[in-house]
């Protein structure tokens, strides 16, 4: 059974929903007040939005009780302001056209404007650019430059430190001469 058909039945007075966009839209179209119990992704935002717009109430999914859900169901079925808010949303949705009108608008736009503006960027640029190889090359070059600079600094510091150690960094003959001078 299609959810929209169930919500359209005159006996349905409220809808407990997870808060998905489709469910909210069907409730608005059928003027059915909502009690939203969000669980994942955008559902929390949707639940707050339903409440902010006055189209229903929401329940915290981590701490609700049977009594709280019953209370909120009773409130959404009796509160006339919720039905008024749903009616405003329903009218707004109908004023902006349905799916068939939108499809006709897209087809007309395609005929008048062409479809070049709808072509994804990946199809309009060279393959290496679409694959991000330009960015990877730049990052790779930068990484090599940084590693090269670190290597040069470490090499210079190491050679300088080793030059200070007797017998390192100089020939043995130079080291002997330095040792004789110290005595």
C-alpha atoms as a PDB file:
ATOM      1  CA  UNK A   1       0.000   0.000   0.000  1.00  0.00           C
ATOM      2  CA  UNK A   2       1.370   3.404  -0.955  1.00  0.00           C
ATOM      3  CA  UNK A   3       2.042   5.668   2.038  1.00  0.00           C
ATOM      4  CA  UNK A   4       0.497   8.684   0.293  1.00  0.00           C
ATOM      5  CA  UNK A   5      -2.746   6.761  -0.217  1.00  0.00           C
ATOM      6  CA  UNK A   6      -2.843   5.786   3.458  1.00  0.00           C
ATOM      7  CA  UNK A   7      -2.221   9.376   4.565  1.00  0.00           C
ATOM      8  CA  UNK A   8      -4.983  10.539   2.217  1.00  0.00           C
ATOM      9  CA  UNK A   9      -7.590   8.359   3.958  1.00  0.00           C
ATOM     10  CA  UNK A  10     -10.070  10.453   5.985  1.00  0.00           C
ATOM     11  CA  UNK A  11      -9.594   8.270   9.090  1.00  0.00           C
ATOM     12  CA  UNK A  12      -5.896   9.227   9.389  1.00  0.00           C
ATOM     13  CA  UNK A  13      -5.615  12.050  11.907  1.00  0.00           C
ATOM     14  CA  UNK A  14      -1.848  12.082  12.640  1.00  0.00           C
ATOM     15  CA  UNK A  15       1.384  10.583  11.338  1.00  0.00           C
ATOM     16  CA  UNK A  16       4.323   9.328  13.405  1.00  0.00           C
ATOM     17  CA  UNK A  17       7.274   9.556  11.020  1.00  0.00           C
ATOM     18  CA  UNK A  18      11.056   9.213  10.968  1.00  0.00           C
ATOM     19  CA  UNK A  19      11.215  12.647   9.320  1.00  0.00           C
ATOM     20  CA  UNK A  20      12.314  11.824   5.794  1.00  0.00           C
ATOM     21  CA  UNK A  21      11.613  14.432   3.106  1.00  0.00           C
ATOM     22  CA  UNK A  22       9.165  12.170   1.269  1.00  0.00           C
ATOM     23  CA  UNK A  23       7.133  11.418   4.377  1.00  0.00           C
ATOM     24  CA  UNK A  24       6.955  15.069   5.368  1.00  0.00           C
ATOM     25  CA  UNK A  25       5.918  16.068   1.849  1.00  0.00           C
ATOM     26  CA  UNK A  26       3.155  13.449   1.771  1.00  0.00           C
ATOM     27  CA  UNK A  27       1.894  14.587   5.171  1.00  0.00           C
ATOM     28  CA  UNK A  28       1.773  18.211   3.976  1.00  0.00           C
ATOM     29  CA  UNK A  29      -0.029  17.276   0.742  1.00  0.00           C
ATOM     30  CA  UNK A  30      -2.614  15.276   2.719  1.00  0.00           C
ATOM     31  CA  UNK A  31      -2.884  17.808   5.592  1.00  0.00           C
ATOM     32  CA  UNK A  32      -1.884  15.230   8.224  1.00  0.00           C
ATOM     33  CA  UNK A  33      -0.147  16.598  11.354  1.00  0.00           C
ATOM     34  CA  UNK A  34       3.219  15.045  12.192  1.00  0.00           C
ATOM     35  CA  UNK A  35       4.994  13.650  15.219  1.00  0.00           C
ATOM     36  CA  UNK A  36       8.579  13.194  14.041  1.00  0.00           C
ATOM     37  CA  UNK A  37      11.019  10.752  15.650  1.00  0.00           C
ATOM     38  CA  UNK A  38      14.305  11.423  13.789  1.00  0.00           C
ATOM     39  CA  UNK A  39      17.025   8.785  13.668  1.00  0.00           C
ATOM     40  CA  UNK A  40      19.634   9.509  10.985  1.00  0.00           C
ATOM     41  CA  UNK A  41      21.119  12.059   8.577  1.00  0.00           C
ATOM     42  CA  UNK A  42      18.890  15.055   7.816  1.00  0.00           C
ATOM     43  CA  UNK A  43      15.941  13.775   9.859  1.00  0.00           C
ATOM     44  CA  UNK A  44      16.887  15.783  12.962  1.00  0.00           C
ATOM     45  CA  UNK A  45      16.973  18.987  10.927  1.00  0.00           C
ATOM     46  CA  UNK A  46      13.662  18.054   9.288  1.00  0.00           C
ATOM     47  CA  UNK A  47      12.073  17.380  12.689  1.00  0.00           C
ATOM     48  CA  UNK A  48      13.069  20.811  13.977  1.00  0.00           C
ATOM     49  CA  UNK A  49      11.869  22.412  10.739  1.00  0.00           C
ATOM     50  CA  UNK A  50       8.442  20.713  11.008  1.00  0.00           C
ATOM     51  CA  UNK A  51       8.154  22.042  14.547  1.00  0.00           C
ATOM     52  CA  UNK A  52       9.383  25.539  13.593  1.00  0.00           C
ATOM     53  CA  UNK A  53       6.839  25.731  10.767  1.00  0.00           C
ATOM     54  CA  UNK A  54       4.075  24.606  13.121  1.00  0.00           C
ATOM     55  CA  UNK A  55       3.219  21.490  11.091  1.00  0.00           C
ATOM     56  CA  UNK A  56       3.812  19.101  13.972  1.00  0.00           C
ATOM     57  CA  UNK A  57       5.993  18.192  16.917  1.00  0.00           C
ATOM     58  CA  UNK A  58       9.153  16.149  17.322  1.00  0.00           C
ATOM     59  CA  UNK A  59      10.338  13.603  19.867  1.00  0.00           C
ATOM     60  CA  UNK A  60      13.919  13.034  21.006  1.00  0.00           C
ATOM     61  CA  UNK A  61      14.721   9.519  19.741  1.00  0.00           C
ATOM     62  CA  UNK A  62      17.186   8.886  22.572  1.00  0.00           C
ATOM     63  CA  UNK A  63      14.911   9.612  25.506  1.00  0.00           C
ATOM     64  CA  UNK A  64      11.231   9.459  24.571  1.00  0.00           C
ATOM     65  CA  UNK A  65       8.578   7.630  26.551  1.00  0.00           C
ATOM     66  CA  UNK A  66       5.247   6.128  25.580  1.00  0.00           C
ATOM     67  CA  UNK A  67       3.499   8.888  27.510  1.00  0.00           C
ATOM     68  CA  UNK A  68       5.388  11.619  25.658  1.00  0.00           C
ATOM     69  CA  UNK A  69       4.489  10.171  22.250  1.00  0.00           C
ATOM     70  CA  UNK A  70       0.838   9.762  23.277  1.00  0.00           C
ATOM     71  CA  UNK A  71       0.746  13.341  24.578  1.00  0.00           C
ATOM     72  CA  UNK A  72       2.261  14.755  21.391  1.00  0.00           C
ATOM     73  CA  UNK A  73      -0.080  12.710  19.185  1.00  0.00           C
ATOM     74  CA  UNK A  74      -3.054  14.042  21.123  1.00  0.00           C
ATOM     75  CA  UNK A  75      -1.731  17.603  20.839  1.00  0.00           C
ATOM     76  CA  UNK A  76      -1.166  17.485  17.069  1.00  0.00           C
ATOM     77  CA  UNK A  77      -4.651  16.054  16.493  1.00  0.00           C
ATOM     78  CA  UNK A  78      -6.367  18.741  18.609  1.00  0.00           C
ATOM     79  CA  UNK A  79      -4.276  21.859  17.919  1.00  0.00           C
ATOM     80  CA  UNK A  80      -6.002  23.950  15.233  1.00  0.00           C
ATOM     81  CA  UNK A  81      -2.850  26.027  14.666  1.00  0.00           C
ATOM     82  CA  UNK A  82      -1.073  22.907  13.361  1.00  0.00           C
ATOM     83  CA  UNK A  83      -3.817  22.325  10.788  1.00  0.00           C
ATOM     84  CA  UNK A  84      -3.611  26.014   9.807  1.00  0.00           C
ATOM     85  CA  UNK A  85       0.180  25.747   9.356  1.00  0.00           C
ATOM     86  CA  UNK A  86      -0.217  22.563   7.306  1.00  0.00           C
ATOM     87  CA  UNK A  87      -2.809  24.298   5.130  1.00  0.00           C
ATOM     88  CA  UNK A  88      -0.398  27.191   4.443  1.00  0.00           C
ATOM     89  CA  UNK A  89       2.382  24.753   3.535  1.00  0.00           C
ATOM     90  CA  UNK A  90      -0.021  22.766   1.349  1.00  0.00           C
ATOM     91  CA  UNK A  91      -1.086  25.893  -0.553  1.00  0.00           C
ATOM     92  CA  UNK A  92       2.557  26.955  -1.000  1.00  0.00           C
ATOM     93  CA  UNK A  93       3.455  23.512  -2.363  1.00  0.00           C
ATOM     94  CA  UNK A  94       0.545  23.584  -4.794  1.00  0.00           C
ATOM     95  CA  UNK A  95       1.385  27.124  -5.978  1.00  0.00           C
ATOM     96  CA  UNK A  96       4.881  26.033  -6.942  1.00  0.00           C
ATOM     97  CA  UNK A  97       3.564  23.289  -9.188  1.00  0.00           C
ATOM     98  CA  UNK A  98       3.700  19.548  -9.094  1.00  0.00           C
ATOM     99  CA  UNK A  99       6.081  17.055 -10.609  1.00  0.00           C
ATOM    100  CA  UNK A 100       4.332  16.995 -13.996  1.00  0.00           C
ATOM    101  CA  UNK A 101       4.537  20.772 -14.328  1.00  0.00           C
ATOM    102  CA  UNK A 102       8.184  20.729 -13.278  1.00  0.00           C
ATOM    103  CA  UNK A 103       8.982  18.042 -15.845  1.00  0.00           C
ATOM    104  CA  UNK A 104       7.260  20.088 -18.545  1.00  0.00           C
ATOM    105  CA  UNK A 105       9.284  23.149 -17.505  1.00  0.00           C
ATOM    106  CA  UNK A 106      12.550  21.187 -17.732  1.00  0.00           C
ATOM    107  CA  UNK A 107      11.668  19.872 -21.204  1.00  0.00           C
ATOM    108  CA  UNK A 108      10.685  23.349 -22.406  1.00  0.00           C
ATOM    109  CA  UNK A 109      13.910  24.789 -20.993  1.00  0.00           C
ATOM    110  CA  UNK A 110      15.898  22.082 -22.777  1.00  0.00           C
ATOM    111  CA  UNK A 111      14.227  22.903 -26.084  1.00  0.00           C
ATOM    112  CA  UNK A 112      14.758  26.653 -25.715  1.00  0.00           C
ATOM    113  CA  UNK A 113      18.214  26.771 -24.128  1.00  0.00           C
ATOM    114  CA  UNK A 114      19.829  23.512 -25.140  1.00  0.00           C
ATOM    115  CA  UNK A 115      21.562  21.264 -22.672  1.00  0.00           C
ATOM    116  CA  UNK A 116      25.147  22.508 -22.553  1.00  0.00           C
ATOM    117  CA  UNK A 117      24.487  24.107 -19.164  1.00  0.00           C
ATOM    118  CA  UNK A 118      23.389  20.702 -17.836  1.00  0.00           C
ATOM    119  CA  UNK A 119      26.539  18.863 -18.936  1.00  0.00           C
ATOM    120  CA  UNK A 120      28.640  17.947 -15.896  1.00  0.00           C
ATOM    121  CA  UNK A 121      31.998  19.704 -15.613  1.00  0.00           C
ATOM    122  CA  UNK A 122      33.748  16.328 -15.778  1.00  0.00           C
ATOM    123  CA  UNK A 123      32.522  15.942 -19.350  1.00  0.00           C
ATOM    124  CA  UNK A 124      33.565  19.442 -20.432  1.00  0.00           C
ATOM    125  CA  UNK A 125      37.236  19.336 -19.372  1.00  0.00           C
ATOM    126  CA  UNK A 126      40.155  17.068 -20.343  1.00  0.00           C
ATOM    127  CA  UNK A 127      40.266  13.687 -18.589  1.00  0.00           C
ATOM    128  CA  UNK A 128      43.409  14.519 -16.624  1.00  0.00           C
ATOM    129  CA  UNK A 129      41.770  17.653 -15.251  1.00  0.00           C
ATOM    130  CA  UNK A 130      38.556  15.800 -14.379  1.00  0.00           C
ATOM    131  CA  UNK A 131      40.614  13.140 -12.592  1.00  0.00           C
ATOM    132  CA  UNK A 132      42.342  15.827 -10.535  1.00  0.00           C
ATOM    133  CA  UNK A 133      45.797  14.994 -11.839  1.00  0.00           C
ATOM    134  CA  UNK A 134      46.690  18.689 -12.042  1.00  0.00           C
ATOM    135  CA  UNK A 135      46.055  19.116  -8.322  1.00  0.00           C
ATOM    136  CA  UNK A 136      47.822  15.865  -7.472  1.00  0.00           C
ATOM    137  CA  UNK A 137      50.824  16.970  -9.549  1.00  0.00           C
ATOM    138  CA  UNK A 138      51.010  20.339  -7.812  1.00  0.00           C
ATOM    139  CA  UNK A 139      50.705  18.740  -4.369  1.00  0.00           C
ATOM    140  CA  UNK A 140      53.322  16.131  -5.322  1.00  0.00           C
ATOM    141  CA  UNK A 141      55.744  18.825  -6.532  1.00  0.00           C
ATOM    142  CA  UNK A 142      55.217  20.815  -3.339  1.00  0.00           C
ATOM    143  CA  UNK A 143      55.760  17.708  -1.233  1.00  0.00           C
ATOM    144  CA  UNK A 144      58.981  16.887  -3.101  1.00  0.00           C
ATOM    145  CA  UNK A 145      60.208  20.470  -2.661  1.00  0.00           C
ATOM    146  CA  UNK A 146      59.532  20.363   1.091  1.00  0.00           C
ATOM    147  CA  UNK A 147      61.189  16.955   1.447  1.00  0.00           C
ATOM    148  CA  UNK A 148      64.188  18.184  -0.586  1.00  0.00           C
ATOM    149  CA  UNK A 149      64.537  21.260   1.626  1.00  0.00           C
ATOM    150  CA  UNK A 150      64.331  19.140   4.787  1.00  0.00           C
ATOM    151  CA  UNK A 151      66.967  16.765   3.363  1.00  0.00           C
ATOM    152  CA  UNK A 152      69.320  19.665   2.555  1.00  0.00           C
ATOM    153  CA  UNK A 153      68.926  21.179   6.027  1.00  0.00           C
ATOM    154  CA  UNK A 154      69.499  17.824   7.735  1.00  0.00           C
ATOM    155  CA  UNK A 155      72.527  17.100   5.533  1.00  0.00           C
ATOM    156  CA  UNK A 156      74.074  20.505   6.293  1.00  0.00           C
ATOM    157  CA  UNK A 157      73.425  20.198  10.042  1.00  0.00           C
ATOM    158  CA  UNK A 158      74.808  16.657  10.107  1.00  0.00           C
ATOM    159  CA  UNK A 159      77.982  17.627   8.222  1.00  0.00           C
ATOM    160  CA  UNK A 160      78.493  20.636  10.474  1.00  0.00           C
ATOM    161  CA  UNK A 161      78.090  18.558  13.626  1.00  0.00           C
ATOM    162  CA  UNK A 162      80.342  15.791  12.326  1.00  0.00           C
ATOM    163  CA  UNK A 163      83.019  18.330  11.430  1.00  0.00           C
ATOM    164  CA  UNK A 164      83.183  19.277  15.115  1.00  0.00           C
ATOM    165  CA  UNK A 165      83.877  15.696  16.248  1.00  0.00           C
ATOM    166  CA  UNK A 166      87.597  14.754  16.285  1.00  0.00           C
ATOM    167  CA  UNK A 167      88.395  12.232  13.594  1.00  0.00           C
ATOM    168  CA  UNK A 168      85.178  12.996  11.705  1.00  0.00           C
ATOM    169  CA  UNK A 169      84.857  15.301   8.784  1.00  0.00           C
ATOM    170  CA  UNK A 170      88.643  15.744   8.470  1.00  0.00           C
ATOM    171  CA  UNK A 171      91.373  13.576   7.166  1.00  0.00           C
ATOM    172  CA  UNK A 172      93.342  11.559   9.713  1.00  0.00           C
ATOM    173  CA  UNK A 173      96.380  13.675   9.074  1.00  0.00           C
ATOM    174  CA  UNK A 174      94.422  16.882   9.839  1.00  0.00           C
ATOM    175  CA  UNK A 175      93.047  15.286  12.996  1.00  0.00           C
ATOM    176  CA  UNK A 176      96.581  14.334  14.162  1.00  0.00           C
ATOM    177  CA  UNK A 177      97.835  17.849  13.556  1.00  0.00           C
ATOM    178  CA  UNK A 178      94.950  19.303  15.584  1.00  0.00           C
ATOM    179  CA  UNK A 179      95.636  16.792  18.376  1.00  0.00           C
ATOM    180  CA  UNK A 180      99.377  17.706  18.457  1.00  0.00           C
ATOM    181  CA  UNK A 181      98.565  21.394  18.695  1.00  0.00           C
ATOM    182  CA  UNK A 182      96.322  20.746  21.689  1.00  0.00           C
ATOM    183  CA  UNK A 183      99.141  18.975  23.574  1.00  0.00           C
END
